[in-house]
Amino acid sequence: MVRILVVEDEPSLRDGIVDLLTGDGHDITAVGDGVAGVEAGLRDPFDLVVLDLMLPRLDGMEVCRRLRSARPGMPILMLTARGSEDDKVRGLMEGADDYVTKPFSARELLARVRVLGRRTPQGESLDEVRVDGAVIDLARMVVVRGDARTTLTPREVGIVRWLFRHQDRVVTRAELLEQVFGQRGDLQTRAVDMAIAVLRKKVETDPAKPTLIVSVKGAGYAWRMSR
């Protein structure tokens, strides 16, 4: 059983999500606006937040930002009717671990919830990476570069751990999908590329010319193999 906070302002959709997740054995708290979402998320320790992007009183991006700042280890699944890649990237930058675009199927939502509810397996022996003037603190889920601190999501921590532990070889997109995203085949590999692009903005000195997480054409990604 996973304790889930659902923040959705449309009553029929909110009720449908609650029924679906309750039927899957989870403990659900549901609220209908952004302010209530922040209050509930700060008050109680949830295992997962299912968060709509378009909310009254406080939009989903701001809710995500505040919850991620206060509870960096709490996974956030964002629901959005927007289809543009810019909106999805912005949501990931604000701290969302994953997103589902409306309309979505019950099967898709349950799959994403089950993956995030399990959390990304944490690498027991790797808590910190120091590279290029930055400290990637995986235990505290932050990147520190000088006076700047950037929060990492649980999924981003999982990506760094997996790439770093396998830095002697190329890691394929399919491998990241299975080992970090917890999916096989039914999640487009484009989601991996998008997650890597957002992660680079947090860990690279120049995200346009990455030197930590490098692309290997036709294969996948590697940790600093270009050096």
C-alpha atoms as a PDB file:
ATOM      1  CA  MET A   1       0.000   0.000   0.000  1.00  0.00           C
ATOM      2  CA  VAL A   2       1.247   3.452  -0.968  1.00  0.00           C
ATOM      3  CA  ARG A   3       0.058   6.667   0.698  1.00  0.00           C
ATOM      4  CA  ILE A   4      -0.859   8.985  -2.162  1.00  0.00           C
ATOM      5  CA  LEU A   5      -1.906  12.626  -2.247  1.00  0.00           C
ATOM      6  CA  VAL A   6      -4.077  13.464  -5.276  1.00  0.00           C
ATOM      7  CA  VAL A   7      -4.306  17.170  -6.185  1.00  0.00           C
ATOM      8  CA  GLU A   8      -6.906  17.610  -8.946  1.00  0.00           C
ATOM      9  CA  ASP A   9      -9.571  20.296  -9.269  1.00  0.00           C
ATOM     10  CA  GLU A  10     -11.946  18.539 -11.677  1.00  0.00           C
ATOM     11  CA  PRO A  11     -14.346  16.596  -9.402  1.00  0.00           C
ATOM     12  CA  SER A  12     -15.202  13.787 -11.819  1.00  0.00           C
ATOM     13  CA  LEU A  13     -11.564  13.125 -12.710  1.00  0.00           C
ATOM     14  CA  ARG A  14     -10.474  13.402  -9.082  1.00  0.00           C
ATOM     15  CA  ASP A  15     -13.130  10.912  -7.990  1.00  0.00           C
ATOM     16  CA  GLY A  16     -12.147   8.571 -10.814  1.00  0.00           C
ATOM     17  CA  ILE A  17      -8.471   8.672  -9.831  1.00  0.00           C
ATOM     18  CA  VAL A  18      -9.347   8.090  -6.176  1.00  0.00           C
ATOM     19  CA  ASP A  19     -11.531   5.095  -7.061  1.00  0.00           C
ATOM     20  CA  LEU A  20      -8.845   3.667  -9.348  1.00  0.00           C
ATOM     21  CA  LEU A  21      -6.006   3.990  -6.846  1.00  0.00           C
ATOM     22  CA  THR A  22      -8.110   2.879  -3.893  1.00  0.00           C
ATOM     23  CA  GLY A  23      -9.123  -0.183  -5.870  1.00  0.00           C
ATOM     24  CA  ASP A  24      -5.430  -0.899  -6.427  1.00  0.00           C
ATOM     25  CA  GLY A  25      -4.940  -1.033  -2.659  1.00  0.00           C
ATOM     26  CA  HIS A  26      -3.548   2.423  -1.934  1.00  0.00           C
ATOM     27  CA  ASP A  27      -4.372   4.906   0.831  1.00  0.00           C
ATOM     28  CA  ILE A  28      -5.597   8.117  -0.843  1.00  0.00           C
ATOM     29  CA  THR A  29      -6.012  11.708   0.293  1.00  0.00           C
ATOM     30  CA  ALA A  30      -7.566  14.011  -2.328  1.00  0.00           C
ATOM     31  CA  VAL A  31      -7.804  17.814  -2.478  1.00  0.00           C
ATOM     32  CA  GLY A  32      -9.105  20.200  -5.128  1.00  0.00           C
ATOM     33  CA  ASP A  33      -6.738  23.179  -5.331  1.00  0.00           C
ATOM     34  CA  GLY A  34      -3.081  24.092  -5.152  1.00  0.00           C
ATOM     35  CA  VAL A  35      -3.089  25.717  -1.723  1.00  0.00           C
ATOM     36  CA  ALA A  36      -4.766  22.682  -0.165  1.00  0.00           C
ATOM     37  CA  GLY A  37      -2.263  20.484  -1.984  1.00  0.00           C
ATOM     38  CA  VAL A  38       0.718  22.284  -0.471  1.00  0.00           C
ATOM     39  CA  GLU A  39      -0.845  22.259   2.987  1.00  0.00           C
ATOM     40  CA  ALA A  40      -1.603  18.535   2.829  1.00  0.00           C
ATOM     41  CA  GLY A  41       1.808  17.680   1.367  1.00  0.00           C
ATOM     42  CA  LEU A  42       3.646  19.583   4.078  1.00  0.00           C
ATOM     43  CA  ARG A  43       1.430  18.258   6.854  1.00  0.00           C
ATOM     44  CA  ASP A  44       1.623  14.519   6.174  1.00  0.00           C
ATOM     45  CA  PRO A  45       4.412  12.252   4.843  1.00  0.00           C
ATOM     46  CA  PHE A  46       3.066  10.832   1.576  1.00  0.00           C
ATOM     47  CA  ASP A  47       4.808   8.206  -0.539  1.00  0.00           C
ATOM     48  CA  LEU A  48       3.680   9.873  -3.771  1.00  0.00           C
ATOM     49  CA  VAL A  49       1.876  12.974  -5.043  1.00  0.00           C
ATOM     50  CA  VAL A  50      -0.336  12.870  -8.153  1.00  0.00           C
ATOM     51  CA  LEU A  51      -0.485  16.528  -9.137  1.00  0.00           C
ATOM     52  CA  ASP A  52      -2.531  18.310 -11.796  1.00  0.00           C
ATOM     53  CA  LEU A  53      -0.762  21.137 -13.599  1.00  0.00           C
ATOM     54  CA  MET A  54      -3.736  23.484 -14.010  1.00  0.00           C
ATOM     55  CA  LEU A  55      -5.090  24.234 -10.527  1.00  0.00           C
ATOM     56  CA  PRO A  56      -7.014  27.097  -8.903  1.00  0.00           C
ATOM     57  CA  ARG A  57      -5.447  29.307  -6.201  1.00  0.00           C
ATOM     58  CA  LEU A  58      -1.928  27.968  -6.883  1.00  0.00           C
ATOM     59  CA  ASP A  59      -0.808  26.310 -10.116  1.00  0.00           C
ATOM     60  CA  GLY A  60       0.742  22.871 -10.238  1.00  0.00           C
ATOM     61  CA  MET A  61       4.232  24.140 -11.069  1.00  0.00           C
ATOM     62  CA  GLU A  62       4.350  26.200  -7.880  1.00  0.00           C
ATOM     63  CA  VAL A  63       2.880  23.365  -5.828  1.00  0.00           C
ATOM     64  CA  CYS A  64       5.561  21.046  -7.228  1.00  0.00           C
ATOM     65  CA  ARG A  65       8.298  23.589  -6.457  1.00  0.00           C
ATOM     66  CA  ARG A  66       7.197  24.038  -2.845  1.00  0.00           C
ATOM     67  CA  LEU A  67       6.704  20.346  -2.125  1.00  0.00           C
ATOM     68  CA  ARG A  68      10.008  19.403  -3.730  1.00  0.00           C
ATOM     69  CA  SER A  69      11.823  22.049  -1.689  1.00  0.00           C
ATOM     70  CA  ALA A  70      10.274  20.863   1.581  1.00  0.00           C
ATOM     71  CA  ARG A  71      10.269  17.117   0.879  1.00  0.00           C
ATOM     72  CA  PRO A  72      13.005  16.336  -1.687  1.00  0.00           C
ATOM     73  CA  GLY A  73      12.546  12.579  -1.444  1.00  0.00           C
ATOM     74  CA  MET A  74       8.811  12.507  -2.154  1.00  0.00           C
ATOM     75  CA  PRO A  75       8.049  11.403  -5.744  1.00  0.00           C
ATOM     76  CA  ILE A  76       5.717  13.636  -7.778  1.00  0.00           C
ATOM     77  CA  LEU A  77       3.691  12.500 -10.797  1.00  0.00           C
ATOM     78  CA  MET A  78       2.364  15.445 -12.782  1.00  0.00           C
ATOM     79  CA  LEU A  79      -0.886  15.335 -14.760  1.00  0.00           C
ATOM     80  CA  THR A  80      -1.065  17.753 -17.669  1.00  0.00           C
ATOM     81  CA  ALA A  81      -3.390  18.488 -20.568  1.00  0.00           C
ATOM     82  CA  ARG A  82      -0.578  20.327 -22.277  1.00  0.00           C
ATOM     83  CA  GLY A  83       1.231  18.403 -24.955  1.00  0.00           C
ATOM     84  CA  SER A  84       4.232  20.622 -25.670  1.00  0.00           C
ATOM     85  CA  GLU A  85       7.674  19.367 -24.786  1.00  0.00           C
ATOM     86  CA  ASP A  86       8.533  22.726 -23.187  1.00  0.00           C
ATOM     87  CA  ASP A  87       5.805  22.274 -20.574  1.00  0.00           C
ATOM     88  CA  LYS A  88       6.950  18.746 -19.811  1.00  0.00           C
ATOM     89  CA  VAL A  89      10.573  19.817 -19.473  1.00  0.00           C
ATOM     90  CA  ARG A  90       9.555  22.708 -17.226  1.00  0.00           C
ATOM     91  CA  GLY A  91       7.613  20.310 -15.002  1.00  0.00           C
ATOM     92  CA  LEU A  92      10.634  18.029 -14.712  1.00  0.00           C
ATOM     93  CA  MET A  93      12.850  21.014 -13.954  1.00  0.00           C
ATOM     94  CA  GLU A  94      10.527  22.090 -11.158  1.00  0.00           C
ATOM     95  CA  GLY A  95      10.939  18.667  -9.571  1.00  0.00           C
ATOM     96  CA  ALA A  96       8.363  16.302 -11.046  1.00  0.00           C
ATOM     97  CA  ASP A  97       9.626  12.731 -11.396  1.00  0.00           C
ATOM     98  CA  ASP A  98       7.278  11.794 -14.205  1.00  0.00           C
ATOM     99  CA  TYR A  99       4.263  13.092 -16.106  1.00  0.00           C
ATOM    100  CA  VAL A 100       1.104  11.738 -17.726  1.00  0.00           C
ATOM    101  CA  THR A 101      -0.630  13.684 -20.479  1.00  0.00           C
ATOM    102  CA  LYS A 102      -4.433  13.844 -20.409  1.00  0.00           C
ATOM    103  CA  PRO A 103      -6.383  11.939 -21.510  1.00  0.00           C
ATOM    104  CA  PHE A 104      -4.628   8.915 -20.052  1.00  0.00           C
ATOM    105  CA  SER A 105      -5.693   5.318 -19.571  1.00  0.00           C
ATOM    106  CA  ALA A 106      -6.221   3.692 -16.190  1.00  0.00           C
ATOM    107  CA  ARG A 107      -3.536   1.166 -17.085  1.00  0.00           C
ATOM    108  CA  GLU A 108      -0.960   3.873 -17.808  1.00  0.00           C
ATOM    109  CA  LEU A 109      -1.666   5.783 -14.599  1.00  0.00           C
ATOM    110  CA  LEU A 110      -1.480   2.635 -12.473  1.00  0.00           C
ATOM    111  CA  ALA A 111       1.819   1.659 -14.098  1.00  0.00           C
ATOM    112  CA  ARG A 112       3.398   5.050 -13.381  1.00  0.00           C
ATOM    113  CA  VAL A 113       2.072   5.075  -9.809  1.00  0.00           C
ATOM    114  CA  ARG A 114       3.405   1.591  -9.119  1.00  0.00           C
ATOM    115  CA  VAL A 115       6.856   2.508 -10.424  1.00  0.00           C
ATOM    116  CA  LEU A 116       7.138   5.743  -8.439  1.00  0.00           C
ATOM    117  CA  GLY A 117       5.579   4.171  -5.355  1.00  0.00           C
ATOM    118  CA  ARG A 118       8.356   1.593  -5.294  1.00  0.00           C
ATOM    119  CA  ARG A 119      10.936   4.359  -5.550  1.00  0.00           C
ATOM    120  CA  THR A 120      14.142   4.037  -7.519  1.00  0.00           C
ATOM    121  CA  PRO A 121      16.482   1.482  -5.944  1.00  0.00           C
ATOM    122  CA  GLN A 122      19.184   3.373  -4.107  1.00  0.00           C
ATOM    123  CA  GLY A 123      22.827   2.432  -4.618  1.00  0.00           C
ATOM    124  CA  GLU A 124      23.946   1.601  -1.094  1.00  0.00           C
ATOM    125  CA  SER A 125      27.602   2.544  -1.460  1.00  0.00           C
ATOM    126  CA  LEU A 126      27.354   5.730  -3.522  1.00  0.00           C
ATOM    127  CA  ASP A 127      26.225   8.839  -1.687  1.00  0.00           C
ATOM    128  CA  GLU A 128      28.348  11.586  -3.213  1.00  0.00           C
ATOM    129  CA  VAL A 129      30.089  12.398  -6.487  1.00  0.00           C
ATOM    130  CA  ARG A 130      32.590  15.266  -6.714  1.00  0.00           C
ATOM    131  CA  VAL A 131      33.313  16.383 -10.250  1.00  0.00           C
ATOM    132  CA  ASP A 132      34.011  19.559 -12.244  1.00  0.00           C
ATOM    133  CA  GLY A 133      33.747  21.827  -9.219  1.00  0.00           C
ATOM    134  CA  ALA A 134      30.372  20.424  -8.168  1.00  0.00           C
ATOM    135  CA  VAL A 135      29.256  18.091  -5.401  1.00  0.00           C
ATOM    136  CA  ILE A 136      26.431  15.780  -6.443  1.00  0.00           C
ATOM    137  CA  ASP A 137      25.077  14.778  -3.045  1.00  0.00           C
ATOM    138  CA  LEU A 138      22.934  11.740  -3.804  1.00  0.00           C
ATOM    139  CA  ALA A 139      22.045  11.076  -0.185  1.00  0.00           C
ATOM    140  CA  ARG A 140      20.564  14.571   0.226  1.00  0.00           C
ATOM    141  CA  MET A 141      19.433  14.750  -3.426  1.00  0.00           C
ATOM    142  CA  VAL A 142      21.097  18.077  -4.251  1.00  0.00           C
ATOM    143  CA  VAL A 143      23.804  19.424  -6.553  1.00  0.00           C
ATOM    144  CA  VAL A 144      26.040  22.046  -4.958  1.00  0.00           C
ATOM    145  CA  ARG A 145      28.177  24.259  -7.179  1.00  0.00           C
ATOM    146  CA  GLY A 146      29.600  27.235  -5.324  1.00  0.00           C
ATOM    147  CA  ASP A 147      26.714  28.997  -3.601  1.00  0.00           C
ATOM    148  CA  ALA A 148      24.102  27.422  -5.887  1.00  0.00           C
ATOM    149  CA  ARG A 149      22.057  24.412  -4.767  1.00  0.00           C
ATOM    150  CA  THR A 150      19.794  22.478  -7.134  1.00  0.00           C
ATOM    151  CA  THR A 151      17.428  19.751  -5.981  1.00  0.00           C
ATOM    152  CA  LEU A 152      17.436  16.362  -7.685  1.00  0.00           C
ATOM    153  CA  THR A 153      14.409  14.106  -8.004  1.00  0.00           C
ATOM    154  CA  PRO A 154      14.520  10.438  -6.924  1.00  0.00           C
ATOM    155  CA  ARG A 155      14.582   9.392 -10.577  1.00  0.00           C
ATOM    156  CA  GLU A 156      17.504  11.715 -11.347  1.00  0.00           C
ATOM    157  CA  VAL A 157      19.413  10.280  -8.400  1.00  0.00           C
ATOM    158  CA  GLY A 158      18.745   6.827  -9.823  1.00  0.00           C
ATOM    159  CA  ILE A 159      20.078   7.827 -13.247  1.00  0.00           C
ATOM    160  CA  VAL A 160      23.293   9.271 -11.790  1.00  0.00           C
ATOM    161  CA  ARG A 161      23.835   6.218  -9.586  1.00  0.00           C
ATOM    162  CA  TRP A 162      23.318   3.777 -12.451  1.00  0.00           C
ATOM    163  CA  LEU A 163      25.528   5.640 -14.933  1.00  0.00           C
ATOM    164  CA  PHE A 164      28.270   6.203 -12.364  1.00  0.00           C
ATOM    165  CA  ARG A 165      28.315   2.583 -11.213  1.00  0.00           C
ATOM    166  CA  HIS A 166      28.597   1.458 -14.856  1.00  0.00           C
ATOM    167  CA  GLN A 167      30.990   4.121 -16.099  1.00  0.00           C
ATOM    168  CA  ASP A 168      33.179   1.528 -17.775  1.00  0.00           C
ATOM    169  CA  ARG A 169      30.601   0.987 -20.510  1.00  0.00           C
ATOM    170  CA  VAL A 170      27.694   2.452 -22.459  1.00  0.00           C
ATOM    171  CA  VAL A 171      24.267   2.264 -20.781  1.00  0.00           C
ATOM    172  CA  THR A 172      21.426   1.845 -23.250  1.00  0.00           C
ATOM    173  CA  ARG A 173      18.111   3.670 -23.101  1.00  0.00           C
ATOM    174  CA  ALA A 174      16.325   0.342 -22.685  1.00  0.00           C
ATOM    175  CA  GLU A 175      18.515  -0.443 -19.669  1.00  0.00           C
ATOM    176  CA  LEU A 176      17.694   2.894 -18.028  1.00  0.00           C
ATOM    177  CA  LEU A 177      14.005   2.314 -18.746  1.00  0.00           C
ATOM    178  CA  GLU A 178      14.093  -1.021 -16.968  1.00  0.00           C
ATOM    179  CA  GLN A 179      16.523  -0.317 -14.126  1.00  0.00           C
ATOM    180  CA  VAL A 180      15.623   3.280 -13.218  1.00  0.00           C
ATOM    181  CA  PHE A 181      12.186   3.991 -14.717  1.00  0.00           C
ATOM    182  CA  GLY A 182      10.926   0.507 -13.871  1.00  0.00           C
ATOM    183  CA  GLN A 183       9.373   0.008 -17.303  1.00  0.00           C
ATOM    184  CA  ARG A 184       9.777  -2.466 -20.131  1.00  0.00           C
ATOM    185  CA  GLY A 185       8.783  -1.478 -23.599  1.00  0.00           C
ATOM    186  CA  ASP A 186       5.582   0.446 -22.863  1.00  0.00           C
ATOM    187  CA  LEU A 187       7.389   3.706 -22.068  1.00  0.00           C
ATOM    188  CA  GLN A 188       8.848   5.563 -25.049  1.00  0.00           C
ATOM    189  CA  THR A 189      12.633   5.921 -25.002  1.00  0.00           C
ATOM    190  CA  ARG A 190      12.098   9.625 -25.710  1.00  0.00           C
ATOM    191  CA  ALA A 191      11.233   9.921 -22.007  1.00  0.00           C
ATOM    192  CA  VAL A 192      14.789   8.845 -21.190  1.00  0.00           C
ATOM    193  CA  ASP A 193      16.247  11.499 -23.489  1.00  0.00           C
ATOM    194  CA  MET A 194      14.054  14.165 -21.903  1.00  0.00           C
ATOM    195  CA  ALA A 195      15.026  13.109 -18.387  1.00  0.00           C
ATOM    196  CA  ILE A 196      18.715  13.184 -19.333  1.00  0.00           C
ATOM    197  CA  ALA A 197      18.307  16.661 -20.876  1.00  0.00           C
ATOM    198  CA  VAL A 198      16.780  17.991 -17.660  1.00  0.00           C
ATOM    199  CA  LEU A 199      19.406  16.262 -15.508  1.00  0.00           C
ATOM    200  CA  ARG A 200      22.203  17.808 -17.569  1.00  0.00           C
ATOM    201  CA  LYS A 201      20.858  21.271 -16.789  1.00  0.00           C
ATOM    202  CA  LYS A 202      21.353  20.471 -13.123  1.00  0.00           C
ATOM    203  CA  VAL A 203      24.758  18.757 -13.137  1.00  0.00           C
ATOM    204  CA  GLU A 204      26.669  20.002 -16.188  1.00  0.00           C
ATOM    205  CA  THR A 205      28.715  23.210 -16.298  1.00  0.00           C
ATOM    206  CA  ASP A 206      27.488  23.718 -19.878  1.00  0.00           C
ATOM    207  CA  PRO A 207      24.430  21.556 -20.622  1.00  0.00           C
ATOM    208  CA  ALA A 208      24.787  22.311 -24.362  1.00  0.00           C
ATOM    209  CA  LYS A 209      28.237  20.673 -24.290  1.00  0.00           C
ATOM    210  CA  PRO A 210      27.919  17.889 -21.716  1.00  0.00           C
ATOM    211  CA  THR A 211      31.073  16.338 -20.313  1.00  0.00           C
ATOM    212  CA  LEU A 212      29.645  14.268 -17.452  1.00  0.00           C
ATOM    213  CA  ILE A 213      26.686  12.484 -19.054  1.00  0.00           C
ATOM    214  CA  VAL A 214      27.737  11.989 -22.653  1.00  0.00           C
ATOM    215  CA  SER A 215      25.709  10.638 -25.552  1.00  0.00           C
ATOM    216  CA  VAL A 216      26.977   7.638 -27.478  1.00  0.00           C
ATOM    217  CA  LYS A 217      25.416   7.797 -30.929  1.00  0.00           C
ATOM    218  CA  GLY A 218      23.094   4.918 -31.678  1.00  0.00           C
ATOM    219  CA  ALA A 219      23.712   3.283 -28.308  1.00  0.00           C
ATOM    220  CA  GLY A 220      22.751   5.345 -25.251  1.00  0.00           C
ATOM    221  CA  TYR A 221      24.617   7.274 -22.573  1.00  0.00           C
ATOM    222  CA  ALA A 222      27.816   7.000 -20.577  1.00  0.00           C
ATOM    223  CA  TRP A 223      29.456   8.709 -17.618  1.00  0.00           C
ATOM    224  CA  ARG A 224      32.462  10.746 -18.843  1.00  0.00           C
ATOM    225  CA  MET A 225      33.521   8.145 -21.406  1.00  0.00           C
ATOM    226  CA  SER A 226      34.478  10.902 -23.836  1.00  0.00           C
ATOM    227  CA  ARG A 227      37.511  11.749 -21.669  1.00  0.00           C
END
